[in-house]
Amino acid sequence: MEPVTKEMFQEWITSPVTKKVFSVLKAEREQLKEGLVNGNYESEEAVKGTCRAIANFITIEYEDLDVNPSK
C-alpha cells in the first residue's frame, strides 16, 4: 500500500467531499444522541459505540494514521 504523506492527508481532509461527508456524519451522530436521550433504542450500547466511532473518524489527525505499515 502506498504510504500516506502529511500533504496527502491535508489534501484529503480539506477536500469539499470530505467536508461534506464529515458534516453528514456529525448530523447523524447528533440524531443518534437525541435518540439516546429520548430512549428510542433497544441497544443503547451499540448506539454509543456508533457515536464513538463517528467521533473518532471525524476528529482523525495525520498522527492517528498508521503511517508505518511495517508495524
Protein backbone atom coordinates (compact mmCIF):
# COMPACT_ATOMS: atom_id res chain seq x y z
CA MET A 1 0.00 0.00 0.00
CA GLU A 2 1.24 3.48 -0.85
CA PRO A 3 2.36 5.46 2.21
CA VAL A 4 0.18 8.39 3.15
CA THR A 5 2.11 11.64 3.38
CA LYS A 6 1.11 14.59 5.52
CA GLU A 7 0.46 16.53 2.31
CA MET A 8 -1.85 13.79 1.00
CA PHE A 9 -3.73 13.77 4.29
CA GLN A 10 -4.12 17.57 4.23
CA GLU A 11 -5.45 17.42 0.69
CA TRP A 12 -7.99 14.78 1.71
CA ILE A 13 -9.07 16.43 4.97
CA THR A 14 -9.67 19.78 3.24
CA SER A 15 -11.47 18.30 0.24
CA PRO A 16 -15.07 19.50 -0.24
CA VAL A 17 -16.16 15.86 -0.43
CA THR A 18 -14.51 15.02 2.89
CA LYS A 19 -16.01 18.11 4.49
CA LYS A 20 -19.48 17.10 3.25
CA VAL A 21 -19.09 13.52 4.49
CA PHE A 22 -17.96 14.80 7.91
CA SER A 23 -20.96 17.14 8.01
CA VAL A 24 -23.35 14.28 7.28
CA LEU A 25 -21.67 12.11 9.91
CA LYS A 26 -21.86 14.89 12.51
CA ALA A 27 -25.58 15.31 11.83
CA GLU A 28 -26.12 11.54 12.08
CA ARG A 29 -24.24 11.46 15.39
CA GLU A 30 -26.43 14.24 16.77
CA GLN A 31 -29.56 12.33 15.72
CA LEU A 32 -28.26 9.21 17.43
CA LYS A 33 -27.53 11.15 20.61
CA GLU A 34 -31.04 12.64 20.56
CA GLY A 35 -32.43 9.14 20.16
CA LEU A 36 -30.43 8.02 23.21
CA VAL A 37 -31.78 10.89 25.29
CA ASN A 38 -35.31 10.04 24.22
CA GLY A 39 -34.89 6.31 24.83
CA ASN A 40 -35.51 5.35 21.20
CA TYR A 41 -33.07 2.42 21.04
CA GLU A 42 -33.16 -1.09 22.46
CA SER A 43 -29.38 -1.43 22.34
CA GLU A 44 -28.05 1.81 23.77
CA GLU A 45 -24.52 0.42 23.97
CA ALA A 46 -24.46 -0.25 20.22
CA VAL A 47 -25.62 3.32 19.53
CA LYS A 48 -23.00 4.70 21.91
CA GLY A 49 -20.37 2.64 20.07
CA THR A 50 -21.54 4.06 16.76
CA CYS A 51 -21.34 7.59 18.18
CA ARG A 52 -17.80 6.94 19.42
CA ALA A 53 -16.77 5.52 16.04
CA ILE A 54 -18.15 8.56 14.22
CA ALA A 55 -16.38 10.89 16.66
CA ASN A 56 -13.10 9.05 16.15
CA PHE A 57 -13.44 9.30 12.38
CA ILE A 58 -14.42 12.96 12.16
CA THR A 59 -11.61 14.03 14.50
CA ILE A 60 -8.87 11.98 12.85
CA GLU A 61 -5.49 13.61 12.50
CA TYR A 62 -2.50 12.63 10.42
CA GLU A 63 -0.68 11.37 13.50
CA ASP A 64 -3.56 8.95 14.16
CA LEU A 65 -2.80 7.07 10.95
CA ASP A 66 -0.58 4.05 10.93
CA VAL A 67 1.93 5.69 8.62
CA ASN A 68 4.49 2.92 9.12
CA PRO A 69 2.95 -0.21 7.52
CA SER A 70 5.79 -2.40 8.80
CA LYS A 71 4.46 -2.18 12.36
